[in-house]
Amino acid sequence: MSGDCLFCKIINREVPSEFLYEDDDFVVFRDINPAAPVHLLLVPKKHIRSMNDFKNEDSAIISGLFVLAREMARQQGVDKSGYKLLFNVEKGGGQVIFHIHLHLIGGWEK
């Protein structure tokens, strides 16, 4: 955990957010500035600054994000119509919160 990380604070319930999903490794909540009708953030509880910082031992976290994304897409009803999965990496790649997270974006068609 990083003391000044917004997502760490959300995970630890220091900052309010409504979790759509939570287990021992991940939380899922809605993006506060959605780019689509469905815009979720899938966030590992382990603080990893960016995709550039994950290590081989973190590979289960990365694969877990994709498994979770498939399930969340189904739950949100966008699995059949289609959705995007996106990592923003570093400032030049659009990363604003420096805690790795996967965007699930969809819902244009149902």
PDB file of N, CA and C in Angstrom:
ATOM      1  N   MET A   1       0.837  -1.189   0.000  1.00  0.00           N
ATOM      2  CA  MET A   1       0.000   0.000   0.000  1.00  0.00           C
ATOM      3  C   MET A   1       0.874   1.241   0.000  1.00  0.00           C
ATOM      4  N   SER A   2       0.433   2.222  -0.718  1.00  0.00           N
ATOM      5  CA  SER A   2       1.110   3.508  -0.749  1.00  0.00           C
ATOM      6  C   SER A   2       0.224   4.526  -0.037  1.00  0.00           C
ATOM      7  N   GLY A   3       0.787   5.261   0.909  1.00  0.00           N
ATOM      8  CA  GLY A   3       0.017   6.163   1.755  1.00  0.00           C
ATOM      9  C   GLY A   3      -0.731   7.261   1.028  1.00  0.00           C
ATOM     10  N   ASP A   4      -0.217   7.707  -0.119  1.00  0.00           N
ATOM     11  CA  ASP A   4      -0.870   8.801  -0.833  1.00  0.00           C
ATOM     12  C   ASP A   4      -1.642   8.327  -2.065  1.00  0.00           C
ATOM     13  N   CYS A   5      -1.797   7.031  -2.234  1.00  0.00           N
ATOM     14  CA  CYS A   5      -2.465   6.473  -3.412  1.00  0.00           C
ATOM     15  C   CYS A   5      -3.982   6.479  -3.215  1.00  0.00           C
ATOM     16  N   LEU A   6      -4.694   7.139  -4.120  1.00  0.00           N
ATOM     17  CA  LEU A   6      -6.151   7.215  -4.030  1.00  0.00           C
ATOM     18  C   LEU A   6      -6.786   5.828  -4.047  1.00  0.00           C
ATOM     19  N   PHE A   7      -6.320   4.951  -4.924  1.00  0.00           N
ATOM     20  CA  PHE A   7      -6.928   3.622  -4.997  1.00  0.00           C
ATOM     21  C   PHE A   7      -6.647   2.809  -3.742  1.00  0.00           C
ATOM     22  N   CYS A   8      -5.478   2.956  -3.142  1.00  0.00           N
ATOM     23  CA  CYS A   8      -5.208   2.281  -1.861  1.00  0.00           C
ATOM     24  C   CYS A   8      -6.171   2.791  -0.792  1.00  0.00           C
ATOM     25  N   LYS A   9      -6.444   4.079  -0.811  1.00  0.00           N
ATOM     26  CA  LYS A   9      -7.389   4.650   0.156  1.00  0.00           C
ATOM     27  C   LYS A   9      -8.802   4.136  -0.088  1.00  0.00           C
ATOM     28  N   ILE A  10      -9.188   3.987  -1.347  1.00  0.00           N
ATOM     29  CA  ILE A  10     -10.504   3.420  -1.661  1.00  0.00           C
ATOM     30  C   ILE A  10     -10.569   1.970  -1.197  1.00  0.00           C
ATOM     31  N   ILE A  11      -9.544   1.193  -1.490  1.00  0.00           N
ATOM     32  CA  ILE A  11      -9.494  -0.216  -1.088  1.00  0.00           C
ATOM     33  C   ILE A  11      -9.615  -0.350   0.424  1.00  0.00           C
ATOM     34  N   ASN A  12      -8.970   0.541   1.151  1.00  0.00           N
ATOM     35  CA  ASN A  12      -8.988   0.503   2.620  1.00  0.00           C
ATOM     36  C   ASN A  12     -10.169   1.254   3.223  1.00  0.00           C
ATOM     37  N   ARG A  13     -11.073   1.694   2.371  1.00  0.00           N
ATOM     38  CA  ARG A  13     -12.306   2.383   2.782  1.00  0.00           C
ATOM     39  C   ARG A  13     -12.040   3.703   3.518  1.00  0.00           C
ATOM     40  N   GLU A  14     -10.926   4.320   3.198  1.00  0.00           N
ATOM     41  CA  GLU A  14     -10.631   5.652   3.721  1.00  0.00           C
ATOM     42  C   GLU A  14     -11.296   6.714   2.843  1.00  0.00           C
ATOM     43  N   VAL A  15     -11.574   6.358   1.603  1.00  0.00           N
ATOM     44  CA  VAL A  15     -12.297   7.200   0.652  1.00  0.00           C
ATOM     45  C   VAL A  15     -13.498   6.383   0.192  1.00  0.00           C
ATOM     46  N   PRO A  16     -14.705   6.942   0.261  1.00  0.00           N
ATOM     47  CA  PRO A  16     -15.892   6.145  -0.081  1.00  0.00           C
ATOM     48  C   PRO A  16     -15.980   5.813  -1.568  1.00  0.00           C
ATOM     49  N   SER A  17     -16.427   4.614  -1.832  1.00  0.00           N
ATOM     50  CA  SER A  17     -16.723   4.156  -3.183  1.00  0.00           C
ATOM     51  C   SER A  17     -17.620   2.933  -3.066  1.00  0.00           C
ATOM     52  N   GLU A  18     -18.486   2.750  -4.032  1.00  0.00           N
ATOM     53  CA  GLU A  18     -19.363   1.583  -4.034  1.00  0.00           C
ATOM     54  C   GLU A  18     -18.700   0.470  -4.836  1.00  0.00           C
ATOM     55  N   PHE A  19     -18.352  -0.610  -4.166  1.00  0.00           N
ATOM     56  CA  PHE A  19     -17.737  -1.741  -4.847  1.00  0.00           C
ATOM     57  C   PHE A  19     -18.813  -2.578  -5.531  1.00  0.00           C
ATOM     58  N   LEU A  20     -18.607  -2.848  -6.795  1.00  0.00           N
ATOM     59  CA  LEU A  20     -19.470  -3.771  -7.523  1.00  0.00           C
ATOM     60  C   LEU A  20     -19.001  -5.202  -7.306  1.00  0.00           C
ATOM     61  N   TYR A  21     -17.737  -5.341  -6.894  1.00  0.00           N
ATOM     62  CA  TYR A  21     -17.144  -6.653  -6.651  1.00  0.00           C
ATOM     63  C   TYR A  21     -15.970  -6.453  -5.702  1.00  0.00           C
ATOM     64  N   GLU A  22     -15.772  -7.445  -4.833  1.00  0.00           N
ATOM     65  CA  GLU A  22     -14.588  -7.451  -3.971  1.00  0.00           C
ATOM     66  C   GLU A  22     -14.288  -8.887  -3.576  1.00  0.00           C
ATOM     67  N   ASP A  23     -13.004  -9.231  -3.617  1.00  0.00           N
ATOM     68  CA  ASP A  23     -12.526 -10.487  -3.054  1.00  0.00           C
ATOM     69  C   ASP A  23     -11.190 -10.204  -2.377  1.00  0.00           C
ATOM     70  N   ASP A  24     -10.420 -11.229  -2.076  1.00  0.00           N
ATOM     71  CA  ASP A  24      -9.152 -11.030  -1.369  1.00  0.00           C
ATOM     72  C   ASP A  24      -8.123 -10.276  -2.198  1.00  0.00           C
ATOM     73  N   ASP A  25      -8.272 -10.291  -3.519  1.00  0.00           N
ATOM     74  CA  ASP A  25      -7.244  -9.735  -4.399  1.00  0.00           C
ATOM     75  C   ASP A  25      -7.649  -8.495  -5.186  1.00  0.00           C
ATOM     76  N   PHE A  26      -8.956  -8.296  -5.406  1.00  0.00           N
ATOM     77  CA  PHE A  26      -9.407  -7.242  -6.315  1.00  0.00           C
ATOM     78  C   PHE A  26     -10.631  -6.509  -5.787  1.00  0.00           C
ATOM     79  N   VAL A  27     -10.800  -5.280  -6.263  1.00  0.00           N
ATOM     80  CA  VAL A  27     -12.058  -4.550  -6.121  1.00  0.00           C
ATOM     81  C   VAL A  27     -12.438  -4.018  -7.502  1.00  0.00           C
ATOM     82  N   VAL A  28     -13.734  -3.803  -7.681  1.00  0.00           N
ATOM     83  CA  VAL A  28     -14.241  -3.213  -8.921  1.00  0.00           C
ATOM     84  C   VAL A  28     -15.213  -2.107  -8.536  1.00  0.00           C
ATOM     85  N   PHE A  29     -15.036  -0.942  -9.163  1.00  0.00           N
ATOM     86  CA  PHE A  29     -15.957   0.167  -8.958  1.00  0.00           C
ATOM     87  C   PHE A  29     -16.072   0.959 -10.253  1.00  0.00           C
ATOM     88  N   ARG A  30     -17.075   1.822 -10.314  1.00  0.00           N
ATOM     89  CA  ARG A  30     -17.317   2.619 -11.516  1.00  0.00           C
ATOM     90  C   ARG A  30     -16.331   3.791 -11.600  1.00  0.00           C
ATOM     91  N   ASP A  31     -15.944   4.119 -12.825  1.00  0.00           N
ATOM     92  CA  ASP A  31     -15.110   5.291 -13.074  1.00  0.00           C
ATOM     93  C   ASP A  31     -15.941   6.542 -12.780  1.00  0.00           C
ATOM     94  N   ILE A  32     -15.346   7.526 -12.110  1.00  0.00           N
ATOM     95  CA  ILE A  32     -16.107   8.739 -11.775  1.00  0.00           C
ATOM     96  C   ILE A  32     -16.313   9.654 -12.986  1.00  0.00           C
ATOM     97  N   ASN A  33     -15.540   9.439 -14.047  1.00  0.00           N
ATOM     98  CA  ASN A  33     -15.706  10.181 -15.301  1.00  0.00           C
ATOM     99  C   ASN A  33     -15.872   9.177 -16.441  1.00  0.00           C
ATOM    100  N   PRO A  34     -17.020   8.524 -16.516  1.00  0.00           N
ATOM    101  CA  PRO A  34     -17.167   7.424 -17.468  1.00  0.00           C
ATOM    102  C   PRO A  34     -17.080   7.865 -18.928  1.00  0.00           C
ATOM    103  N   ALA A  35     -16.402   7.033 -19.717  1.00  0.00           N
ATOM    104  CA  ALA A  35     -16.277   7.263 -21.154  1.00  0.00           C
ATOM    105  C   ALA A  35     -17.352   6.526 -21.937  1.00  0.00           C
ATOM    106  N   ALA A  36     -18.198   5.779 -21.237  1.00  0.00           N
ATOM    107  CA  ALA A  36     -19.244   4.973 -21.874  1.00  0.00           C
ATOM    108  C   ALA A  36     -20.298   4.645 -20.825  1.00  0.00           C
ATOM    109  N   PRO A  37     -21.446   4.119 -21.258  1.00  0.00           N
ATOM    110  CA  PRO A  37     -22.472   3.740 -20.281  1.00  0.00           C
ATOM    111  C   PRO A  37     -21.972   2.770 -19.207  1.00  0.00           C
ATOM    112  N   VAL A  38     -21.080   1.867 -19.589  1.00  0.00           N
ATOM    113  CA  VAL A  38     -20.426   0.980 -18.620  1.00  0.00           C
ATOM    114  C   VAL A  38     -18.943   1.314 -18.642  1.00  0.00           C
ATOM    115  N   HIS A  39     -18.425   1.798 -17.530  1.00  0.00           N
ATOM    116  CA  HIS A  39     -16.995   2.097 -17.422  1.00  0.00           C
ATOM    117  C   HIS A  39     -16.566   1.731 -16.007  1.00  0.00           C
ATOM    118  N   LEU A  40     -15.976   0.546 -15.895  1.00  0.00           N
ATOM    119  CA  LEU A  40     -15.554   0.023 -14.599  1.00  0.00           C
ATOM    120  C   LEU A  40     -14.046   0.064 -14.476  1.00  0.00           C
ATOM    121  N   LEU A  41     -13.583   0.167 -13.237  1.00  0.00           N
ATOM    122  CA  LEU A  41     -12.164   0.060 -12.927  1.00  0.00           C
ATOM    123  C   LEU A  41     -11.962  -1.206 -12.115  1.00  0.00           C
ATOM    124  N   LEU A  42     -11.111  -2.086 -12.607  1.00  0.00           N
ATOM    125  CA  LEU A  42     -10.767  -3.333 -11.937  1.00  0.00           C
ATOM    126  C   LEU A  42      -9.390  -3.128 -11.328  1.00  0.00           C
ATOM    127  N   VAL A  43      -9.319  -3.181 -10.005  1.00  0.00           N
ATOM    128  CA  VAL A  43      -8.125  -2.740  -9.295  1.00  0.00           C
ATOM    129  C   VAL A  43      -7.611  -3.845  -8.377  1.00  0.00           C
ATOM    130  N   PRO A  44      -6.348  -4.243  -8.537  1.00  0.00           N
ATOM    131  CA  PRO A  44      -5.790  -5.197  -7.573  1.00  0.00           C
ATOM    132  C   PRO A  44      -5.566  -4.515  -6.228  1.00  0.00           C
ATOM    133  N   LYS A  45      -5.744  -5.269  -5.158  1.00  0.00           N
ATOM    134  CA  LYS A  45      -5.507  -4.707  -3.829  1.00  0.00           C
ATOM    135  C   LYS A  45      -4.023  -4.473  -3.579  1.00  0.00           C
ATOM    136  N   LYS A  46      -3.177  -5.264  -4.203  1.00  0.00           N
ATOM    137  CA  LYS A  46      -1.733  -5.052  -4.073  1.00  0.00           C
ATOM    138  C   LYS A  46      -1.360  -3.798  -4.860  1.00  0.00           C
ATOM    139  N   HIS A  47      -0.640  -2.907  -4.210  1.00  0.00           N
ATOM    140  CA  HIS A  47      -0.221  -1.680  -4.890  1.00  0.00           C
ATOM    141  C   HIS A  47       0.933  -1.995  -5.842  1.00  0.00           C
ATOM    142  N   ILE A  48       0.654  -1.817  -7.118  1.00  0.00           N
ATOM    143  CA  ILE A  48       1.678  -1.879  -8.163  1.00  0.00           C
ATOM    144  C   ILE A  48       1.524  -0.576  -8.928  1.00  0.00           C
ATOM    145  N   ARG A  49       2.567   0.205  -9.011  1.00  0.00           N
ATOM    146  CA  ARG A  49       2.498   1.560  -9.536  1.00  0.00           C
ATOM    147  C   ARG A  49       1.983   1.625 -10.976  1.00  0.00           C
ATOM    148  N   SER A  50       2.538   0.819 -11.874  1.00  0.00           N
ATOM    149  CA  SER A  50       2.103   0.812 -13.277  1.00  0.00           C
ATOM    150  C   SER A  50       2.444  -0.537 -13.898  1.00  0.00           C
ATOM    151  N   MET A  51       2.015  -0.739 -15.132  1.00  0.00           N
ATOM    152  CA  MET A  51       2.350  -1.977 -15.841  1.00  0.00           C
ATOM    153  C   MET A  51       3.856  -2.144 -15.945  1.00  0.00           C
ATOM    154  N   ASN A  52       4.584  -1.048 -15.966  1.00  0.00           N
ATOM    155  CA  ASN A  52       6.045  -1.126 -16.043  1.00  0.00           C
ATOM    156  C   ASN A  52       6.676  -1.644 -14.762  1.00  0.00           C
ATOM    157  N   ASP A  53       5.916  -1.681 -13.683  1.00  0.00           N
ATOM    158  CA  ASP A  53       6.468  -2.059 -12.385  1.00  0.00           C
ATOM    159  C   ASP A  53       6.072  -3.452 -11.921  1.00  0.00           C
ATOM    160  N   PHE A  54       5.181  -4.138 -12.646  1.00  0.00           N
ATOM    161  CA  PHE A  54       4.815  -5.457 -12.154  1.00  0.00           C
ATOM    162  C   PHE A  54       5.934  -6.442 -12.441  1.00  0.00           C
ATOM    163  N   LYS A  55       6.071  -7.407 -11.553  1.00  0.00           N
ATOM    164  CA  LYS A  55       7.151  -8.388 -11.625  1.00  0.00           C
ATOM    165  C   LYS A  55       6.571  -9.748 -12.018  1.00  0.00           C
ATOM    166  N   ASN A  56       7.441 -10.683 -12.357  1.00  0.00           N
ATOM    167  CA  ASN A  56       6.987 -12.018 -12.753  1.00  0.00           C
ATOM    168  C   ASN A  56       6.089 -12.641 -11.699  1.00  0.00           C
ATOM    169  N   GLU A  57       6.402 -12.416 -10.426  1.00  0.00           N
ATOM    170  CA  GLU A  57       5.579 -13.008  -9.362  1.00  0.00           C
ATOM    171  C   GLU A  57       4.182 -12.376  -9.287  1.00  0.00           C
ATOM    172  N   ASP A  58       3.973 -11.274 -10.002  1.00  0.00           N
ATOM    173  CA  ASP A  58       2.660 -10.628 -10.053  1.00  0.00           C
ATOM    174  C   ASP A  58       1.814 -11.112 -11.229  1.00  0.00           C
ATOM    175  N   SER A  59       2.294 -12.093 -11.972  1.00  0.00           N
ATOM    176  CA  SER A  59       1.577 -12.521 -13.181  1.00  0.00           C
ATOM    177  C   SER A  59       0.176 -13.040 -12.869  1.00  0.00           C
ATOM    178  N   ALA A  60      -0.034 -13.635 -11.694  1.00  0.00           N
ATOM    179  CA  ALA A  60      -1.378 -14.101 -11.326  1.00  0.00           C
ATOM    180  C   ALA A  60      -2.337 -12.922 -11.173  1.00  0.00           C
ATOM    181  N   ILE A  61      -1.829 -11.785 -10.748  1.00  0.00           N
ATOM    182  CA  ILE A  61      -2.667 -10.590 -10.629  1.00  0.00           C
ATOM    183  C   ILE A  61      -3.115 -10.136 -12.014  1.00  0.00           C
ATOM    184  N   ILE A  62      -2.181 -10.095 -12.945  1.00  0.00           N
ATOM    185  CA  ILE A  62      -2.515  -9.631 -14.290  1.00  0.00           C
ATOM    186  C   ILE A  62      -3.510 -10.582 -14.949  1.00  0.00           C
ATOM    187  N   SER A  63      -3.254 -11.876 -14.869  1.00  0.00           N
ATOM    188  CA  SER A  63      -4.205 -12.822 -15.472  1.00  0.00           C
ATOM    189  C   SER A  63      -5.541 -12.783 -14.736  1.00  0.00           C
ATOM    190  N   GLY A  64      -5.502 -12.581 -13.422  1.00  0.00           N
ATOM    191  CA  GLY A  64      -6.737 -12.475 -12.644  1.00  0.00           C
ATOM    192  C   GLY A  64      -7.589 -11.297 -13.071  1.00  0.00           C
ATOM    193  N   LEU A  65      -6.953 -10.201 -13.457  1.00  0.00           N
ATOM    194  CA  LEU A  65      -7.703  -9.039 -13.942  1.00  0.00           C
ATOM    195  C   LEU A  65      -8.507  -9.390 -15.194  1.00  0.00           C
ATOM    196  N   PHE A  66      -7.911 -10.172 -16.087  1.00  0.00           N
ATOM    197  CA  PHE A  66      -8.611 -10.533 -17.322  1.00  0.00           C
ATOM    198  C   PHE A  66      -9.755 -11.513 -17.063  1.00  0.00           C
ATOM    199  N   VAL A  67      -9.555 -12.444 -16.159  1.00  0.00           N
ATOM    200  CA  VAL A  67     -10.635 -13.365 -15.788  1.00  0.00           C
ATOM    201  C   VAL A  67     -11.784 -12.581 -15.156  1.00  0.00           C
ATOM    202  N   LEU A  68     -11.439 -11.658 -14.251  1.00  0.00           N
ATOM    203  CA  LEU A  68     -12.449 -10.828 -13.604  1.00  0.00           C
ATOM    204  C   LEU A  68     -13.164  -9.938 -14.622  1.00  0.00           C
ATOM    205  N   ALA A  69     -12.434  -9.407 -15.590  1.00  0.00           N
ATOM    206  CA  ALA A  69     -13.043  -8.556 -16.618  1.00  0.00           C
ATOM    207  C   ALA A  69     -14.110  -9.319 -17.391  1.00  0.00           C
ATOM    208  N   ARG A  70     -13.825 -10.551 -17.736  1.00  0.00           N
ATOM    209  CA  ARG A  70     -14.808 -11.361 -18.458  1.00  0.00           C
ATOM    210  C   ARG A  70     -16.086 -11.517 -17.634  1.00  0.00           C
ATOM    211  N   GLU A  71     -15.934 -11.784 -16.333  1.00  0.00           N
ATOM    212  CA  GLU A  71     -17.091 -11.961 -15.457  1.00  0.00           C
ATOM    213  C   GLU A  71     -17.857 -10.648 -15.271  1.00  0.00           C
ATOM    214  N   MET A  72     -17.144  -9.548 -15.089  1.00  0.00           N
ATOM    215  CA  MET A  72     -17.810  -8.255 -14.906  1.00  0.00           C
ATOM    216  C   MET A  72     -18.533  -7.830 -16.185  1.00  0.00           C
ATOM    217  N   ALA A  73     -17.956  -8.118 -17.346  1.00  0.00           N
ATOM    218  CA  ALA A  73     -18.630  -7.806 -18.610  1.00  0.00           C
ATOM    219  C   ALA A  73     -19.941  -8.573 -18.702  1.00  0.00           C
ATOM    220  N   ARG A  74     -19.924  -9.826 -18.284  1.00  0.00           N
ATOM    221  CA  ARG A  74     -21.147 -10.628 -18.286  1.00  0.00           C
ATOM    222  C   ARG A  74     -22.166 -10.035 -17.323  1.00  0.00           C
ATOM    223  N   GLN A  75     -21.716  -9.704 -16.111  1.00  0.00           N
ATOM    224  CA  GLN A  75     -22.628  -9.143 -15.104  1.00  0.00           C
ATOM    225  C   GLN A  75     -23.231  -7.814 -15.551  1.00  0.00           C
ATOM    226  N   GLN A  76     -22.463  -7.034 -16.275  1.00  0.00           N
ATOM    227  CA  GLN A  76     -22.936  -5.724 -16.736  1.00  0.00           C
ATOM    228  C   GLN A  76     -23.717  -5.807 -18.050  1.00  0.00           C
ATOM    229  N   GLY A  77     -23.795  -6.998 -18.632  1.00  0.00           N
ATOM    230  CA  GLY A  77     -24.567  -7.188 -19.850  1.00  0.00           C
ATOM    231  C   GLY A  77     -23.911  -6.689 -21.118  1.00  0.00           C
ATOM    232  N   VAL A  78     -22.585  -6.575 -21.125  1.00  0.00           N
ATOM    233  CA  VAL A  78     -21.889  -6.107 -22.325  1.00  0.00           C
ATOM    234  C   VAL A  78     -21.035  -7.197 -22.966  1.00  0.00           C
ATOM    235  N   ASP A  79     -21.093  -8.399 -22.432  1.00  0.00           N
ATOM    236  CA  ASP A  79     -20.255  -9.479 -22.959  1.00  0.00           C
ATOM    237  C   ASP A  79     -20.604  -9.833 -24.401  1.00  0.00           C
ATOM    238  N   LYS A  80     -21.848  -9.762 -24.768  1.00  0.00           N
ATOM    239  CA  LYS A  80     -22.263 -10.124 -26.133  1.00  0.00           C
ATOM    240  C   LYS A  80     -22.135  -8.948 -27.105  1.00  0.00           C
ATOM    241  N   SER A  81     -22.457  -7.741 -26.638  1.00  0.00           N
ATOM    242  CA  SER A  81     -22.424  -6.570 -27.526  1.00  0.00           C
ATOM    243  C   SER A  81     -21.008  -6.047 -27.744  1.00  0.00           C
ATOM    244  N   GLY A  82     -20.125  -6.288 -26.789  1.00  0.00           N
ATOM    245  CA  GLY A  82     -18.731  -5.890 -26.946  1.00  0.00           C
ATOM    246  C   GLY A  82     -18.290  -4.838 -25.949  1.00  0.00           C
ATOM    247  N   TYR A  83     -17.002  -4.847 -25.690  1.00  0.00           N
ATOM    248  CA  TYR A  83     -16.410  -3.927 -24.726  1.00  0.00           C
ATOM    249  C   TYR A  83     -14.919  -3.811 -25.001  1.00  0.00           C
ATOM    250  N   LYS A  84     -14.307  -2.809 -24.392  1.00  0.00           N
ATOM    251  CA  LYS A  84     -12.866  -2.592 -24.495  1.00  0.00           C
ATOM    252  C   LYS A  84     -12.234  -2.842 -23.137  1.00  0.00           C
ATOM    253  N   LEU A  85     -11.006  -3.345 -23.160  1.00  0.00           N
ATOM    254  CA  LEU A  85     -10.173  -3.437 -21.963  1.00  0.00           C
ATOM    255  C   LEU A  85      -8.959  -2.566 -22.209  1.00  0.00           C
ATOM    256  N   LEU A  86      -8.605  -1.746 -21.222  1.00  0.00           N
ATOM    257  CA  LEU A  86      -7.558  -0.756 -21.440  1.00  0.00           C
ATOM    258  C   LEU A  86      -6.717  -0.558 -20.190  1.00  0.00           C
ATOM    259  N   PHE A  87      -5.398  -0.600 -20.373  1.00  0.00           N
ATOM    260  CA  PHE A  87      -4.450  -0.144 -19.357  1.00  0.00           C
ATOM    261  C   PHE A  87      -3.857   1.167 -19.861  1.00  0.00           C
ATOM    262  N   ASN A  88      -3.903   2.222 -19.075  1.00  0.00           N
ATOM    263  CA  ASN A  88      -3.138   3.432 -19.352  1.00  0.00           C
ATOM    264  C   ASN A  88      -1.820   3.278 -18.605  1.00  0.00           C
ATOM    265  N   VAL A  89      -0.704   3.457 -19.313  1.00  0.00           N
ATOM    266  CA  VAL A  89       0.601   3.199 -18.710  1.00  0.00           C
ATOM    267  C   VAL A  89       1.448   4.467 -18.730  1.00  0.00           C
ATOM    268  N   GLU A  90       1.771   4.943 -17.547  1.00  0.00           N
ATOM    269  CA  GLU A  90       2.581   6.137 -17.324  1.00  0.00           C
ATOM    270  C   GLU A  90       1.844   7.386 -17.817  1.00  0.00           C
ATOM    271  N   LYS A  91       2.366   8.531 -17.431  1.00  0.00           N
ATOM    272  CA  LYS A  91       1.700   9.806 -17.706  1.00  0.00           C
ATOM    273  C   LYS A  91       1.444  10.010 -19.200  1.00  0.00           C
ATOM    274  N   GLY A  92       2.435   9.718 -20.027  1.00  0.00           N
ATOM    275  CA  GLY A  92       2.292   9.895 -21.473  1.00  0.00           C
ATOM    276  C   GLY A  92       1.267   8.965 -22.095  1.00  0.00           C
ATOM    277  N   GLY A  93       0.950   7.879 -21.402  1.00  0.00           N
ATOM    278  CA  GLY A  93      -0.061   6.934 -21.870  1.00  0.00           C
ATOM    279  C   GLY A  93      -1.421   7.178 -21.256  1.00  0.00           C
ATOM    280  N   GLY A  94      -1.551   8.277 -20.522  1.00  0.00           N
ATOM    281  CA  GLY A  94      -2.840   8.635 -19.953  1.00  0.00           C
ATOM    282  C   GLY A  94      -3.085   8.163 -18.530  1.00  0.00           C
ATOM    283  N   GLN A  95      -2.068   7.553 -17.899  1.00  0.00           N
ATOM    284  CA  GLN A  95      -2.262   7.097 -16.518  1.00  0.00           C
ATOM    285  C   GLN A  95      -2.307   8.304 -15.588  1.00  0.00           C
ATOM    286  N   VAL A  96      -3.363   8.371 -14.787  1.00  0.00           N
ATOM    287  CA  VAL A  96      -3.558   9.479 -13.848  1.00  0.00           C
ATOM    288  C   VAL A  96      -3.368   8.999 -12.417  1.00  0.00           C
ATOM    289  N   ILE A  97      -3.915   7.833 -12.098  1.00  0.00           N
ATOM    290  CA  ILE A  97      -3.752   7.227 -10.776  1.00  0.00           C
ATOM    291  C   ILE A  97      -2.663   6.173 -10.896  1.00  0.00           C
ATOM    292  N   PHE A  98      -1.598   6.332 -10.137  1.00  0.00           N
ATOM    293  CA  PHE A  98      -0.463   5.427 -10.262  1.00  0.00           C
ATOM    294  C   PHE A  98      -0.604   4.238  -9.325  1.00  0.00           C
ATOM    295  N   HIS A  99      -1.605   3.436  -9.655  1.00  0.00           N
ATOM    296  CA  HIS A  99      -1.900   2.131  -9.052  1.00  0.00           C
ATOM    297  C   HIS A  99      -2.529   1.358 -10.206  1.00  0.00           C
ATOM    298  N   ILE A 100      -1.881   0.307 -10.631  1.00  0.00           N
ATOM    299  CA  ILE A 100      -2.331  -0.426 -11.813  1.00  0.00           C
ATOM    300  C   ILE A 100      -3.830  -0.730 -11.730  1.00  0.00           C
ATOM    301  N   HIS A 101      -4.524  -0.527 -12.848  1.00  0.00           N
ATOM    302  CA  HIS A 101      -5.949  -0.832 -12.926  1.00  0.00           C
ATOM    303  C   HIS A 101      -6.335  -1.034 -14.383  1.00  0.00           C
ATOM    304  N   LEU A 102      -7.341  -1.857 -14.562  1.00  0.00           N
ATOM    305  CA  LEU A 102      -7.830  -2.183 -15.895  1.00  0.00           C
ATOM    306  C   LEU A 102      -9.197  -1.542 -16.085  1.00  0.00           C
ATOM    307  N   HIS A 103      -9.335  -0.784 -17.166  1.00  0.00           N
ATOM    308  CA  HIS A 103     -10.625  -0.185 -17.519  1.00  0.00           C
ATOM    309  C   HIS A 103     -11.425  -1.199 -18.329  1.00  0.00           C
ATOM    310  N   LEU A 104     -12.680  -1.368 -17.982  1.00  0.00           N
ATOM    311  CA  LEU A 104     -13.639  -2.135 -18.782  1.00  0.00           C
ATOM    312  C   LEU A 104     -14.661  -1.117 -19.264  1.00  0.00           C
ATOM    313  N   ILE A 105     -14.722  -0.933 -20.587  1.00  0.00           N
ATOM    314  CA  ILE A 105     -15.522   0.137 -21.178  1.00  0.00           C
ATOM    315  C   ILE A 105     -16.454  -0.458 -22.230  1.00  0.00           C
ATOM    316  N   GLY A 106     -17.741  -0.192 -22.108  1.00  0.00           N
ATOM    317  CA  GLY A 106     -18.696  -0.710 -23.090  1.00  0.00           C
ATOM    318  C   GLY A 106     -20.091  -0.180 -22.838  1.00  0.00           C
ATOM    319  N   GLY A 107     -21.053  -0.864 -23.422  1.00  0.00           N
ATOM    320  CA  GLY A 107     -22.443  -0.496 -23.207  1.00  0.00           C
ATOM    321  C   GLY A 107     -23.021   0.420 -24.253  1.00  0.00           C
ATOM    322  N   TRP A 108     -22.320   0.603 -25.373  1.00  0.00           N
ATOM    323  CA  TRP A 108     -22.861   1.456 -26.430  1.00  0.00           C
ATOM    324  C   TRP A 108     -24.049   0.793 -27.094  1.00  0.00           C
ATOM    325  N   GLU A 109     -23.989  -0.528 -27.208  1.00  0.00           N
ATOM    326  CA  GLU A 109     -25.093  -1.305 -27.780  1.00  0.00           C
ATOM    327  C   GLU A 109     -25.444  -2.408 -26.807  1.00  0.00           C
ATOM    328  N   LYS A 110     -26.714  -2.729 -26.737  1.00  0.00           N
ATOM    329  CA  LYS A 110     -27.117  -3.854 -25.876  1.00  0.00           C
ATOM    330  C   LYS A 110     -27.977  -4.805 -26.654  1.00  0.00           C
TER     331      LYS A 110
END
